[in-house]
Protein backbone atom coordinates (compact mmCIF):
# COMPACT_ATOMS: atom_id res chain seq x y z
CA MET A 1 -22.46 4.29 27.77
CA GLU A 2 -19.03 4.11 26.75
CA LYS A 3 -16.09 6.28 27.00
CA THR A 4 -12.35 5.87 27.01
CA VAL A 5 -9.93 7.08 29.31
CA LYS A 6 -6.23 7.21 30.52
CA ILE A 7 -4.65 6.18 33.53
CA LEU A 8 -2.71 9.33 35.22
CA ASN A 9 -1.60 8.32 38.67
CA GLU A 10 1.83 7.62 38.54
CA THR A 11 1.16 4.39 40.25
CA GLY A 12 -1.51 3.35 37.71
CA LEU A 13 -4.20 0.61 39.43
CA HIS A 14 -3.04 -0.47 42.24
CA ALA A 15 -4.97 -1.67 45.92
CA ARG A 16 -5.80 1.45 47.02
CA PRO A 17 -7.14 2.92 43.76
CA ALA A 18 -8.50 -0.13 42.55
CA THR A 19 -10.79 -0.65 45.67
CA LEU A 20 -12.08 2.89 45.24
CA PHE A 21 -12.62 2.46 41.73
CA VAL A 22 -14.70 -0.94 42.76
CA LYS A 23 -16.13 0.43 45.50
CA THR A 24 -17.67 3.40 43.38
CA ALA A 25 -18.86 1.03 40.60
CA SER A 26 -20.38 -1.30 43.28
CA GLN A 27 -23.06 2.19 43.54
CA PHE A 28 -24.49 1.90 40.52
CA ALA A 29 -26.95 -0.57 39.83
CA SER A 30 -25.95 -1.16 36.04
CA ASP A 31 -23.56 -3.66 34.82
CA VAL A 32 -20.69 -2.13 34.08
CA ASN A 33 -16.96 -3.50 32.77
CA ILE A 34 -13.69 -2.23 31.42
CA GLU A 35 -12.30 -3.26 28.43
CA PHE A 36 -8.44 -3.39 28.00
CA ASN A 37 -6.32 -4.58 25.25
CA GLY A 38 -8.93 -6.83 23.97
CA ALA A 39 -10.05 -8.35 27.34
CA VAL A 40 -13.62 -7.70 29.16
CA SER A 41 -13.72 -7.09 33.50
CA ASN A 42 -16.31 -6.41 35.37
CA ALA A 43 -15.45 -3.39 36.80
CA LYS A 44 -17.07 -4.28 40.12
CA SER A 45 -14.55 -7.39 41.01
CA ILE A 46 -11.30 -6.34 42.88
CA MET A 47 -10.05 -9.39 41.30
CA ASN A 48 -11.12 -8.32 38.11
CA ILE A 49 -9.45 -5.12 38.20
CA LEU A 50 -6.37 -5.90 40.09
CA SER A 51 -5.45 -8.96 37.57
CA LEU A 52 -5.55 -6.22 34.39
CA GLY A 53 -2.35 -4.71 35.77
CA LEU A 54 -2.59 -0.83 34.01
CA LYS A 55 -0.22 1.33 34.85
CA LYS A 56 0.14 5.14 34.43
CA GLY A 57 -0.92 6.05 30.36
CA ASP A 58 -2.97 2.99 29.59
CA GLU A 59 -5.94 3.79 28.24
CA ILE A 60 -9.45 1.62 28.81
CA LYS A 61 -12.90 2.14 27.93
CA ILE A 62 -15.10 1.96 30.69
CA VAL A 63 -18.73 0.31 29.42
CA ALA A 64 -21.64 0.39 31.15
CA GLU A 65 -25.11 -0.48 30.74
CA GLY A 66 -28.76 -0.02 32.52
CA GLU A 67 -30.72 2.84 34.04
CA ASP A 68 -27.63 4.86 35.89
CA ALA A 69 -25.03 3.73 33.10
CA LYS A 70 -24.19 7.38 32.49
CA GLU A 71 -23.71 8.27 35.36
CA ALA A 72 -21.87 5.39 36.43
CA VAL A 73 -19.63 6.04 33.26
CA GLU A 74 -19.01 9.57 34.54
CA ALA A 75 -18.20 8.93 38.46
CA LEU A 76 -15.53 6.05 37.05
CA VAL A 77 -14.14 8.49 34.68
CA ASN A 78 -14.23 11.79 37.26
CA LEU A 79 -12.32 8.93 39.88
CA ILE A 80 -9.43 8.34 37.48
CA ASN A 81 -9.05 12.21 36.04
CA SER A 82 -9.22 13.02 39.44
CA LYS A 83 -5.87 10.65 39.97
CA PHE A 84 -7.86 8.77 43.04
CA GLU A 85 -7.22 11.48 44.50
CA GLU A 86 -3.41 10.51 45.53
CA LYS A 87 -0.73 12.86 45.54
């Protein structure tokens, strides 16, 4: 299961939203990765997420494989679309 989504929050994936992203991804048994600019990063690793340097407007592909892949991708897309609940 995969889906492409655009980062919407003003500050991109800095420490707080990256932590929320990793926490959400880690709730699922599936392997979850982010593809960005040719790189594939483990979505359950805070260091991998922060190293991508994602900013507002960047498009990423969330890819999940496993028994709950669909739910994992949907949860992460919803988190991004909610702008990580930032004002």
